[in-house]
Structures are given as structure tokens and as C-alpha cells.
PDB file of N, CA and C in Angstrom:
ATOM      1  N   MET A   1     -30.570   0.261 -30.848  1.00  0.00           N
ATOM      2  CA  MET A   1     -32.006   0.367 -30.952  1.00  0.00           C
ATOM      3  C   MET A   1     -32.393   1.740 -31.494  1.00  0.00           C
ATOM      4  N   ILE A   2     -31.835   2.797 -30.919  1.00  0.00           N
ATOM      5  CA  ILE A   2     -32.219   4.142 -31.321  1.00  0.00           C
ATOM      6  C   ILE A   2     -31.770   4.436 -32.740  1.00  0.00           C
ATOM      7  N   ARG A   3     -30.520   4.127 -33.041  1.00  0.00           N
ATOM      8  CA  ARG A   3     -30.024   4.400 -34.393  1.00  0.00           C
ATOM      9  C   ARG A   3     -30.764   3.583 -35.435  1.00  0.00           C
ATOM     10  N   ASP A   4     -31.129   2.349 -35.089  1.00  0.00           N
ATOM     11  CA  ASP A   4     -31.830   1.485 -36.036  1.00  0.00           C
ATOM     12  C   ASP A   4     -33.247   1.954 -36.302  1.00  0.00           C
ATOM     13  N   SER A   5     -33.871   2.651 -35.356  1.00  0.00           N
ATOM     14  CA  SER A   5     -35.277   3.006 -35.493  1.00  0.00           C
ATOM     15  C   SER A   5     -35.506   4.461 -35.885  1.00  0.00           C
ATOM     16  N   THR A   6     -34.453   5.175 -36.217  1.00  0.00           N
ATOM     17  CA  THR A   6     -34.613   6.583 -36.590  1.00  0.00           C
ATOM     18  C   THR A   6     -34.060   6.842 -37.970  1.00  0.00           C
ATOM     19  N   ASN A   7     -34.513   7.928 -38.537  1.00  0.00           N
ATOM     20  CA  ASN A   7     -34.002   8.365 -39.839  1.00  0.00           C
ATOM     21  C   ASN A   7     -33.257   9.682 -39.697  1.00  0.00           C
ATOM     22  N   VAL A   8     -32.679   9.910 -38.532  1.00  0.00           N
ATOM     23  CA  VAL A   8     -31.985  11.164 -38.272  1.00  0.00           C
ATOM     24  C   VAL A   8     -30.543  11.027 -38.737  1.00  0.00           C
ATOM     25  N   ASP A   9     -30.166  11.895 -39.668  1.00  0.00           N
ATOM     26  CA  ASP A   9     -28.775  11.898 -40.140  1.00  0.00           C
ATOM     27  C   ASP A   9     -27.892  12.577 -39.112  1.00  0.00           C
ATOM     28  N   GLY A  10     -26.678  12.101 -38.980  1.00  0.00           N
ATOM     29  CA  GLY A  10     -25.712  12.731 -38.097  1.00  0.00           C
ATOM     30  C   GLY A  10     -25.989  12.533 -36.622  1.00  0.00           C
ATOM     31  N   LEU A  11     -26.695  11.503 -36.277  1.00  0.00           N
ATOM     32  CA  LEU A  11     -26.993  11.214 -34.876  1.00  0.00           C
ATOM     33  C   LEU A  11     -25.715  10.748 -34.189  1.00  0.00           C
ATOM     34  N   SER A  12     -25.255  11.511 -33.198  1.00  0.00           N
ATOM     35  CA  SER A  12     -24.059  11.126 -32.456  1.00  0.00           C
ATOM     36  C   SER A  12     -24.476  10.669 -31.068  1.00  0.00           C
ATOM     37  N   VAL A  13     -23.525  10.167 -30.317  1.00  0.00           N
ATOM     38  CA  VAL A  13     -23.834   9.694 -28.968  1.00  0.00           C
ATOM     39  C   VAL A  13     -24.224  10.833 -28.042  1.00  0.00           C
ATOM     40  N   ASP A  14     -23.908  12.070 -28.423  1.00  0.00           N
ATOM     41  CA  ASP A  14     -24.232  13.229 -27.592  1.00  0.00           C
ATOM     42  C   ASP A  14     -25.441  14.025 -28.086  1.00  0.00           C
ATOM     43  N   THR A  15     -26.048  13.607 -29.180  1.00  0.00           N
ATOM     44  CA  THR A  15     -27.224  14.293 -29.705  1.00  0.00           C
ATOM     45  C   THR A  15     -28.363  14.222 -28.700  1.00  0.00           C
ATOM     46  N   ASP A  16     -29.022  15.359 -28.452  1.00  0.00           N
ATOM     47  CA  ASP A  16     -30.174  15.375 -27.549  1.00  0.00           C
ATOM     48  C   ASP A  16     -31.353  14.736 -28.275  1.00  0.00           C
ATOM     49  N   LEU A  17     -31.782  13.591 -27.778  1.00  0.00           N
ATOM     50  CA  LEU A  17     -32.814  12.801 -28.439  1.00  0.00           C
ATOM     51  C   LEU A  17     -34.201  13.420 -28.320  1.00  0.00           C
ATOM     52  N   PHE A  18     -34.410  14.227 -27.304  1.00  0.00           N
ATOM     53  CA  PHE A  18     -35.701  14.892 -27.138  1.00  0.00           C
ATOM     54  C   PHE A  18     -35.782  16.136 -28.013  1.00  0.00           C
ATOM     55  N   GLU A  19     -34.714  16.940 -28.035  1.00  0.00           N
ATOM     56  CA  GLU A  19     -34.696  18.166 -28.841  1.00  0.00           C
ATOM     57  C   GLU A  19     -34.809  17.875 -30.329  1.00  0.00           C
ATOM     58  N   THR A  20     -34.227  16.770 -30.768  1.00  0.00           N
ATOM     59  CA  THR A  20     -34.281  16.408 -32.187  1.00  0.00           C
ATOM     60  C   THR A  20     -35.568  15.692 -32.560  1.00  0.00           C
ATOM     61  N   GLY A  21     -36.381  15.342 -31.571  1.00  0.00           N
ATOM     62  CA  GLY A  21     -37.640  14.660 -31.851  1.00  0.00           C
ATOM     63  C   GLY A  21     -37.508  13.157 -32.000  1.00  0.00           C
ATOM     64  N   VAL A  22     -36.316  12.632 -31.764  1.00  0.00           N
ATOM     65  CA  VAL A  22     -36.118  11.181 -31.840  1.00  0.00           C
ATOM     66  C   VAL A  22     -36.955  10.489 -30.765  1.00  0.00           C
ATOM     67  N   LEU A  23     -36.965  11.094 -29.567  1.00  0.00           N
ATOM     68  CA  LEU A  23     -37.778  10.557 -28.476  1.00  0.00           C
ATOM     69  C   LEU A  23     -38.901  11.526 -28.141  1.00  0.00           C
ATOM     70  N   ASP A  24     -40.121  10.975 -28.077  1.00  0.00           N
ATOM     71  CA  ASP A  24     -41.249  11.701 -27.519  1.00  0.00           C
ATOM     72  C   ASP A  24     -41.709  10.910 -26.305  1.00  0.00           C
ATOM     73  N   SER A  25     -42.806  11.266 -25.698  1.00  0.00           N
ATOM     74  CA  SER A  25     -43.207  10.608 -24.452  1.00  0.00           C
ATOM     75  C   SER A  25     -43.459   9.110 -24.642  1.00  0.00           C
ATOM     76  N   LEU A  26     -44.099   8.728 -25.717  1.00  0.00           N
ATOM     77  CA  LEU A  26     -44.365   7.309 -25.964  1.00  0.00           C
ATOM     78  C   LEU A  26     -43.079   6.550 -26.253  1.00  0.00           C
ATOM     79  N   ALA A  27     -42.234   7.111 -27.100  1.00  0.00           N
ATOM     80  CA  ALA A  27     -40.966   6.458 -27.415  1.00  0.00           C
ATOM     81  C   ALA A  27     -40.083   6.355 -26.180  1.00  0.00           C
ATOM     82  N   PHE A  28     -40.179   7.339 -25.288  1.00  0.00           N
ATOM     83  CA  PHE A  28     -39.403   7.317 -24.053  1.00  0.00           C
ATOM     84  C   PHE A  28     -39.821   6.143 -23.172  1.00  0.00           C
ATOM     85  N   VAL A  29     -41.116   5.942 -23.029  1.00  0.00           N
ATOM     86  CA  VAL A  29     -41.606   4.810 -22.237  1.00  0.00           C
ATOM     87  C   VAL A  29     -41.184   3.493 -22.876  1.00  0.00           C
ATOM     88  N   GLU A  30     -41.276   3.406 -24.198  1.00  0.00           N
ATOM     89  CA  GLU A  30     -40.843   2.194 -24.898  1.00  0.00           C
ATOM     90  C   GLU A  30     -39.350   1.954 -24.698  1.00  0.00           C
ATOM     91  N   LEU A  31     -38.558   3.026 -24.721  1.00  0.00           N
ATOM     92  CA  LEU A  31     -37.122   2.904 -24.476  1.00  0.00           C
ATOM     93  C   LEU A  31     -36.854   2.355 -23.079  1.00  0.00           C
ATOM     94  N   LEU A  32     -37.535   2.889 -22.081  1.00  0.00           N
ATOM     95  CA  LEU A  32     -37.342   2.416 -20.705  1.00  0.00           C
ATOM     96  C   LEU A  32     -37.664   0.930 -20.592  1.00  0.00           C
ATOM     97  N   MET A  33     -38.773   0.509 -21.190  1.00  0.00           N
ATOM     98  CA  MET A  33     -39.148  -0.913 -21.148  1.00  0.00           C
ATOM     99  C   MET A  33     -38.114  -1.767 -21.864  1.00  0.00           C
ATOM    100  N   HIS A  34     -37.620  -1.277 -22.996  1.00  0.00           N
ATOM    101  CA  HIS A  34     -36.594  -2.016 -23.743  1.00  0.00           C
ATOM    102  C   HIS A  34     -35.311  -2.163 -22.922  1.00  0.00           C
ATOM    103  N   LEU A  35     -34.897  -1.086 -22.270  1.00  0.00           N
ATOM    104  CA  LEU A  35     -33.679  -1.138 -21.446  1.00  0.00           C
ATOM    105  C   LEU A  35     -33.838  -2.151 -20.320  1.00  0.00           C
ATOM    106  N   GLU A  36     -34.995  -2.175 -19.688  1.00  0.00           N
ATOM    107  CA  GLU A  36     -35.230  -3.142 -18.607  1.00  0.00           C
ATOM    108  C   GLU A  36     -35.126  -4.570 -19.120  1.00  0.00           C
ATOM    109  N   ARG A  37     -35.747  -4.839 -20.257  1.00  0.00           N
ATOM    110  CA  ARG A  37     -35.712  -6.203 -20.819  1.00  0.00           C
ATOM    111  C   ARG A  37     -34.319  -6.568 -21.314  1.00  0.00           C
ATOM    112  N   ALA A  38     -33.704  -5.685 -22.065  1.00  0.00           N
ATOM    113  CA  ALA A  38     -32.426  -5.988 -22.713  1.00  0.00           C
ATOM    114  C   ALA A  38     -31.281  -6.153 -21.724  1.00  0.00           C
ATOM    115  N   PHE A  39     -31.318  -5.379 -20.624  1.00  0.00           N
ATOM    116  CA  PHE A  39     -30.191  -5.390 -19.696  1.00  0.00           C
ATOM    117  C   PHE A  39     -30.532  -5.980 -18.333  1.00  0.00           C
ATOM    118  N   GLY A  40     -31.758  -6.457 -18.162  1.00  0.00           N
ATOM    119  CA  GLY A  40     -32.147  -7.103 -16.906  1.00  0.00           C
ATOM    120  C   GLY A  40     -32.103  -6.157 -15.717  1.00  0.00           C
ATOM    121  N   ILE A  41     -32.469  -4.910 -15.960  1.00  0.00           N
ATOM    122  CA  ILE A  41     -32.463  -3.920 -14.883  1.00  0.00           C
ATOM    123  C   ILE A  41     -33.884  -3.468 -14.607  1.00  0.00           C
ATOM    124  N   ARG A  42     -34.074  -2.859 -13.455  1.00  0.00           N
ATOM    125  CA  ARG A  42     -35.352  -2.246 -13.099  1.00  0.00           C
ATOM    126  C   ARG A  42     -35.114  -0.755 -12.965  1.00  0.00           C
ATOM    127  N   ILE A  43     -35.969   0.031 -13.602  1.00  0.00           N
ATOM    128  CA  ILE A  43     -35.859   1.483 -13.534  1.00  0.00           C
ATOM    129  C   ILE A  43     -37.059   1.990 -12.749  1.00  0.00           C
ATOM    130  N   SER A  44     -36.794   2.534 -11.569  1.00  0.00           N
ATOM    131  CA  SER A  44     -37.883   3.026 -10.726  1.00  0.00           C
ATOM    132  C   SER A  44     -38.344   4.396 -11.207  1.00  0.00           C
ATOM    133  N   ILE A  45     -39.545   4.753 -10.836  1.00  0.00           N
ATOM    134  CA  ILE A  45     -40.102   6.045 -11.229  1.00  0.00           C
ATOM    135  C   ILE A  45     -39.236   7.192 -10.715  1.00  0.00           C
ATOM    136  N   GLU A  46     -38.594   6.985  -9.576  1.00  0.00           N
ATOM    137  CA  GLU A  46     -37.714   8.015  -9.026  1.00  0.00           C
ATOM    138  C   GLU A  46     -36.490   8.267  -9.905  1.00  0.00           C
ATOM    139  N   GLU A  47     -36.106   7.276 -10.688  1.00  0.00           N
ATOM    140  CA  GLU A  47     -34.924   7.394 -11.554  1.00  0.00           C
ATOM    141  C   GLU A  47     -35.240   8.002 -12.921  1.00  0.00           C
ATOM    142  N   VAL A  48     -36.517   8.130 -13.221  1.00  0.00           N
ATOM    143  CA  VAL A  48     -36.925   8.604 -14.542  1.00  0.00           C
ATOM    144  C   VAL A  48     -36.851  10.125 -14.588  1.00  0.00           C
ATOM    145  N   GLU A  49     -35.704  10.599 -15.026  1.00  0.00           N
ATOM    146  CA  GLU A  49     -35.466  12.024 -15.235  1.00  0.00           C
ATOM    147  C   GLU A  49     -34.964  12.174 -16.668  1.00  0.00           C
ATOM    148  N   VAL A  50     -35.583  13.062 -17.406  1.00  0.00           N
ATOM    149  CA  VAL A  50     -35.244  13.239 -18.814  1.00  0.00           C
ATOM    150  C   VAL A  50     -33.749  13.443 -19.016  1.00  0.00           C
ATOM    151  N   GLU A  51     -33.106  14.177 -18.123  1.00  0.00           N
ATOM    152  CA  GLU A  51     -31.680  14.456 -18.271  1.00  0.00           C
ATOM    153  C   GLU A  51     -30.837  13.184 -18.298  1.00  0.00           C
ATOM    154  N   ARG A  52     -31.295  12.154 -17.616  1.00  0.00           N
ATOM    155  CA  ARG A  52     -30.540  10.888 -17.582  1.00  0.00           C
ATOM    156  C   ARG A  52     -30.626  10.123 -18.893  1.00  0.00           C
ATOM    157  N   PHE A  53     -31.601  10.453 -19.714  1.00  0.00           N
ATOM    158  CA  PHE A  53     -31.864   9.681 -20.923  1.00  0.00           C
ATOM    159  C   PHE A  53     -31.889  10.548 -22.184  1.00  0.00           C
ATOM    160  N   CYS A  54     -31.295  11.738 -22.114  1.00  0.00           N
ATOM    161  CA  CYS A  54     -31.405  12.679 -23.233  1.00  0.00           C
ATOM    162  C   CYS A  54     -30.474  12.357 -24.400  1.00  0.00           C
ATOM    163  N   SER A  55     -29.490  11.505 -24.194  1.00  0.00           N
ATOM    164  CA  SER A  55     -28.580  11.147 -25.293  1.00  0.00           C
ATOM    165  C   SER A  55     -28.157   9.689 -25.137  1.00  0.00           C
ATOM    166  N   ILE A  56     -27.612   9.160 -26.201  1.00  0.00           N
ATOM    167  CA  ILE A  56     -27.137   7.776 -26.161  1.00  0.00           C
ATOM    168  C   ILE A  56     -26.039   7.639 -25.111  1.00  0.00           C
ATOM    169  N   ALA A  57     -25.163   8.629 -25.020  1.00  0.00           N
ATOM    170  CA  ALA A  57     -24.083   8.585 -24.022  1.00  0.00           C
ATOM    171  C   ALA A  57     -24.650   8.569 -22.607  1.00  0.00           C
ATOM    172  N   ARG A  58     -25.646   9.391 -22.328  1.00  0.00           N
ATOM    173  CA  ARG A  58     -26.242   9.446 -20.984  1.00  0.00           C
ATOM    174  C   ARG A  58     -26.991   8.147 -20.675  1.00  0.00           C
ATOM    175  N   ILE A  59     -27.654   7.572 -21.666  1.00  0.00           N
ATOM    176  CA  ILE A  59     -28.348   6.294 -21.474  1.00  0.00           C
ATOM    177  C   ILE A  59     -27.328   5.206 -21.142  1.00  0.00           C
ATOM    178  N   ALA A  60     -26.228   5.173 -21.872  1.00  0.00           N
ATOM    179  CA  ALA A  60     -25.182   4.171 -21.625  1.00  0.00           C
ATOM    180  C   ALA A  60     -24.601   4.325 -20.225  1.00  0.00           C
ATOM    181  N   GLU A  61     -24.372   5.563 -19.789  1.00  0.00           N
ATOM    182  CA  GLU A  61     -23.871   5.807 -18.426  1.00  0.00           C
ATOM    183  C   GLU A  61     -24.855   5.282 -17.390  1.00  0.00           C
ATOM    184  N   PHE A  62     -26.137   5.574 -17.584  1.00  0.00           N
ATOM    185  CA  PHE A  62     -27.155   5.130 -16.632  1.00  0.00           C
ATOM    186  C   PHE A  62     -27.223   3.600 -16.575  1.00  0.00           C
ATOM    187  N   VAL A  63     -27.298   2.967 -17.739  1.00  0.00           N
ATOM    188  CA  VAL A  63     -27.416   1.504 -17.789  1.00  0.00           C
ATOM    189  C   VAL A  63     -26.187   0.842 -17.173  1.00  0.00           C
ATOM    190  N   THR A  64     -25.003   1.345 -17.478  1.00  0.00           N
ATOM    191  CA  THR A  64     -23.775   0.780 -16.912  1.00  0.00           C
ATOM    192  C   THR A  64     -23.780   0.881 -15.395  1.00  0.00           C
ATOM    193  N   ALA A  65     -24.134   2.043 -14.875  1.00  0.00           N
ATOM    194  CA  ALA A  65     -24.181   2.234 -13.422  1.00  0.00           C
ATOM    195  C   ALA A  65     -25.255   1.353 -12.793  1.00  0.00           C
ATOM    196  N   ARG A  66     -26.406   1.263 -13.436  1.00  0.00           N
ATOM    197  CA  ARG A  66     -27.517   0.462 -12.893  1.00  0.00           C
ATOM    198  C   ARG A  66     -27.162  -1.024 -12.891  1.00  0.00           C
ATOM    199  N   MET A  67     -26.536  -1.498 -13.956  1.00  0.00           N
ATOM    200  CA  MET A  67     -26.140  -2.908 -14.013  1.00  0.00           C
ATOM    201  C   MET A  67     -25.117  -3.218 -12.931  1.00  0.00           C
ATOM    202  N   SER A  68     -24.172  -2.324 -12.723  1.00  0.00           N
ATOM    203  CA  SER A  68     -23.161  -2.513 -11.689  1.00  0.00           C
ATOM    204  C   SER A  68     -23.815  -2.582 -10.312  1.00  0.00           C
ATOM    205  N   LEU A  69     -24.748  -1.680 -10.048  1.00  0.00           N
ATOM    206  CA  LEU A  69     -25.462  -1.673  -8.771  1.00  0.00           C
ATOM    207  C   LEU A  69     -26.249  -2.962  -8.568  1.00  0.00           C
ATOM    208  N   GLU A  70     -26.960  -3.392  -9.586  1.00  0.00           N
ATOM    209  CA  GLU A  70     -27.760  -4.608  -9.460  1.00  0.00           C
ATOM    210  C   GLU A  70     -26.881  -5.852  -9.347  1.00  0.00           C
ATOM    211  N   ASP A  71     -25.742  -5.866 -10.041  1.00  0.00           N
ATOM    212  CA  ASP A  71     -24.805  -6.985  -9.900  1.00  0.00           C
ATOM    213  C   ASP A  71     -24.292  -7.065  -8.465  1.00  0.00           C
ATOM    214  N   SER A  72     -23.966  -5.920  -7.886  1.00  0.00           N
ATOM    215  CA  SER A  72     -23.488  -5.875  -6.496  1.00  0.00           C
ATOM    216  C   SER A  72     -24.550  -6.389  -5.542  1.00  0.00           C
ATOM    217  N   ARG A  73     -25.780  -5.982  -5.761  1.00  0.00           N
ATOM    218  CA  ARG A  73     -26.889  -6.440  -4.899  1.00  0.00           C
ATOM    219  C   ARG A  73     -27.085  -7.943  -5.013  1.00  0.00           C
ATOM    220  N   ARG A  74     -26.975  -8.468  -6.230  1.00  0.00           N
ATOM    221  CA  ARG A  74     -27.132  -9.912  -6.416  1.00  0.00           C
ATOM    222  C   ARG A  74     -26.043 -10.672  -5.667  1.00  0.00           C
ATOM    223  N   ARG A  75     -24.823 -10.152  -5.724  1.00  0.00           N
ATOM    224  CA  ARG A  75     -23.716 -10.809  -5.016  1.00  0.00           C
ATOM    225  C   ARG A  75     -23.945 -10.765  -3.509  1.00  0.00           C
ATOM    226  N   GLU A  76     -24.381  -9.630  -2.994  1.00  0.00           N
ATOM    227  CA  GLU A  76     -24.626  -9.483  -1.552  1.00  0.00           C
ATOM    228  C   GLU A  76     -25.702 -10.435  -1.061  1.00  0.00           C
ATOM    229  N   HIS A  77     -26.729 -10.616  -1.864  1.00  0.00           N
ATOM    230  CA  HIS A  77     -27.873 -11.427  -1.441  1.00  0.00           C
ATOM    231  C   HIS A  77     -27.801 -12.865  -1.930  1.00  0.00           C
ATOM    232  N   GLY A  78     -26.712 -13.213  -2.585  1.00  0.00           N
ATOM    233  CA  GLY A  78     -26.532 -14.597  -3.026  1.00  0.00           C
ATOM    234  C   GLY A  78     -27.501 -15.023  -4.107  1.00  0.00           C
ATOM    235  N   THR A  79     -28.005 -14.077  -4.887  1.00  0.00           N
ATOM    236  CA  THR A  79     -28.957 -14.421  -5.941  1.00  0.00           C
ATOM    237  C   THR A  79     -28.313 -14.439  -7.313  1.00  0.00           C
ATOM    238  N   TRP A  80     -27.008 -14.418  -7.346  1.00  0.00           N
ATOM    239  CA  TRP A  80     -26.268 -14.441  -8.598  1.00  0.00           C
ATOM    240  C   TRP A  80     -26.345 -15.829  -9.204  1.00  0.00           C
ATOM    241  N   SER A  81     -26.665 -15.913 -10.478  1.00  0.00           N
ATOM    242  CA  SER A  81     -26.693 -17.217 -11.125  1.00  0.00           C
ATOM    243  C   SER A  81     -26.347 -17.064 -12.596  1.00  0.00           C
ATOM    244  N   VAL A  82     -25.799 -18.100 -13.151  1.00  0.00           N
ATOM    245  CA  VAL A  82     -25.463 -18.109 -14.563  1.00  0.00           C
ATOM    246  C   VAL A  82     -26.759 -18.033 -15.348  1.00  0.00           C
ATOM    247  N   GLY A  83     -26.757 -17.173 -16.360  1.00  0.00           N
ATOM    248  CA  GLY A  83     -27.944 -17.019 -17.182  1.00  0.00           C
ATOM    249  C   GLY A  83     -28.972 -16.101 -16.565  1.00  0.00           C
ATOM    250  N   SER A  84     -28.641 -15.436 -15.483  1.00  0.00           N
ATOM    251  CA  SER A  84     -29.575 -14.502 -14.874  1.00  0.00           C
ATOM    252  C   SER A  84     -29.634 -13.240 -15.703  1.00  0.00           C
ATOM    253  N   ALA A  85     -30.346 -12.262 -15.225  1.00  0.00           N
ATOM    254  CA  ALA A  85     -30.486 -10.994 -15.937  1.00  0.00           C
ATOM    255  C   ALA A  85     -29.160 -10.253 -16.042  1.00  0.00           C
ATOM    256  N   SER A  86     -28.134 -10.803 -15.471  1.00  0.00           N
ATOM    257  CA  SER A  86     -26.822 -10.152 -15.522  1.00  0.00           C
ATOM    258  C   SER A  86     -26.139 -10.325 -16.864  1.00  0.00           C
ATOM    259  N   GLY A  87     -26.798 -10.993 -17.786  1.00  0.00           N
ATOM    260  CA  GLY A  87     -26.201 -11.121 -19.104  1.00  0.00           C
ATOM    261  C   GLY A  87     -25.316 -12.343 -19.247  1.00  0.00           C
ATOM    262  N   GLY A  88     -25.570 -13.393 -18.474  1.00  0.00           N
ATOM    263  CA  GLY A  88     -24.811 -14.621 -18.610  1.00  0.00           C
ATOM    264  C   GLY A  88     -23.464 -14.570 -17.965  1.00  0.00           C
ATOM    265  N   ARG A  89     -23.343 -13.814 -16.880  1.00  0.00           N
ATOM    266  CA  ARG A  89     -22.073 -13.751 -16.161  1.00  0.00           C
ATOM    267  C   ARG A  89     -22.071 -14.797 -15.048  1.00  0.00           C
ATOM    268  N   GLY A  90     -20.912 -15.326 -14.800  1.00  0.00           N
ATOM    269  CA  GLY A  90     -20.764 -16.299 -13.709  1.00  0.00           C
ATOM    270  C   GLY A  90     -20.597 -15.608 -12.386  1.00  0.00           C
ATOM    271  N   ALA A  91     -20.402 -16.379 -11.338  1.00  0.00           N
ATOM    272  CA  ALA A  91     -20.269 -15.848  -9.987  1.00  0.00           C
ATOM    273  C   ALA A  91     -19.077 -14.916  -9.838  1.00  0.00           C
ATOM    274  N   ASP A  92     -18.077 -15.088 -10.692  1.00  0.00           N
ATOM    275  CA  ASP A  92     -16.894 -14.217 -10.612  1.00  0.00           C
ATOM    276  C   ASP A  92     -17.076 -12.936 -11.435  1.00  0.00           C
ATOM    277  N   GLY A  93     -18.245 -12.760 -12.055  1.00  0.00           N
ATOM    278  CA  GLY A  93     -18.520 -11.555 -12.820  1.00  0.00           C
ATOM    279  C   GLY A  93     -18.058 -11.601 -14.258  1.00  0.00           C
ATOM    280  N   ARG A  94     -17.402 -12.685 -14.655  1.00  0.00           N
ATOM    281  CA  ARG A  94     -16.926 -12.814 -16.029  1.00  0.00           C
ATOM    282  C   ARG A  94     -18.031 -13.368 -16.921  1.00  0.00           C
ATOM    283  N   LEU A  95     -18.001 -12.967 -18.183  1.00  0.00           N
ATOM    284  CA  LEU A  95     -18.962 -13.511 -19.124  1.00  0.00           C
ATOM    285  C   LEU A  95     -18.687 -14.979 -19.348  1.00  0.00           C
ATOM    286  N   ASP A  96     -19.732 -15.740 -19.413  1.00  0.00           N
ATOM    287  CA  ASP A  96     -19.594 -17.197 -19.680  1.00  0.00           C
ATOM    288  C   ASP A  96     -19.316 -17.452 -21.140  1.00  0.00           C
TER     289      ASP A  96
END
């Protein structure tokens, strides 16, 4: 999403997206909404810290950890289902 919507040359996974101007406050909010929709996660206001989202690598770390946490919660509460926000994973956690 970020690479497709920017014209920044040399954008690496460690590039600071705020310092380079790739993300501003509006783009940041749009990114958060996109991450929630695309990965079926919820990002609470308490989790919104610029440092967590300053680079593609940091965003990937956050999303991976958040998905793992939410998958665990779904398993604990028996709300796991095929085609859920988990990305089409079955009860055993494997992709369908």
C-alpha cells in the first residue's frame, strides 16, 4: 500500500515514513484504517504510537504481533471460524 501510493525513490523497509513526508497525520489515520480492514485487526487508541508505525518494518512487526494476539483470543473464546478476519485460516491455524 505504502510503496504503491508514494513517489519516494529508494524507500526501504526501514525508511522513516514520517521524516520523509510519506506519512502525515491524515495519511497515518488512513493507514490505521487500512490495516484494520486488510488484516482484520483492531487498533486501540492506546496502541497508536508513532514509533510503532514509523517504517514498513515496524508496521509489519506490529501487525504480525497483533494478528497473533487476536488469533489466540479467538481460539480461547471459540470464535474462530473459516473466512473470519483471520485471513481464511481454519481451526488449526493453517490457511485454507
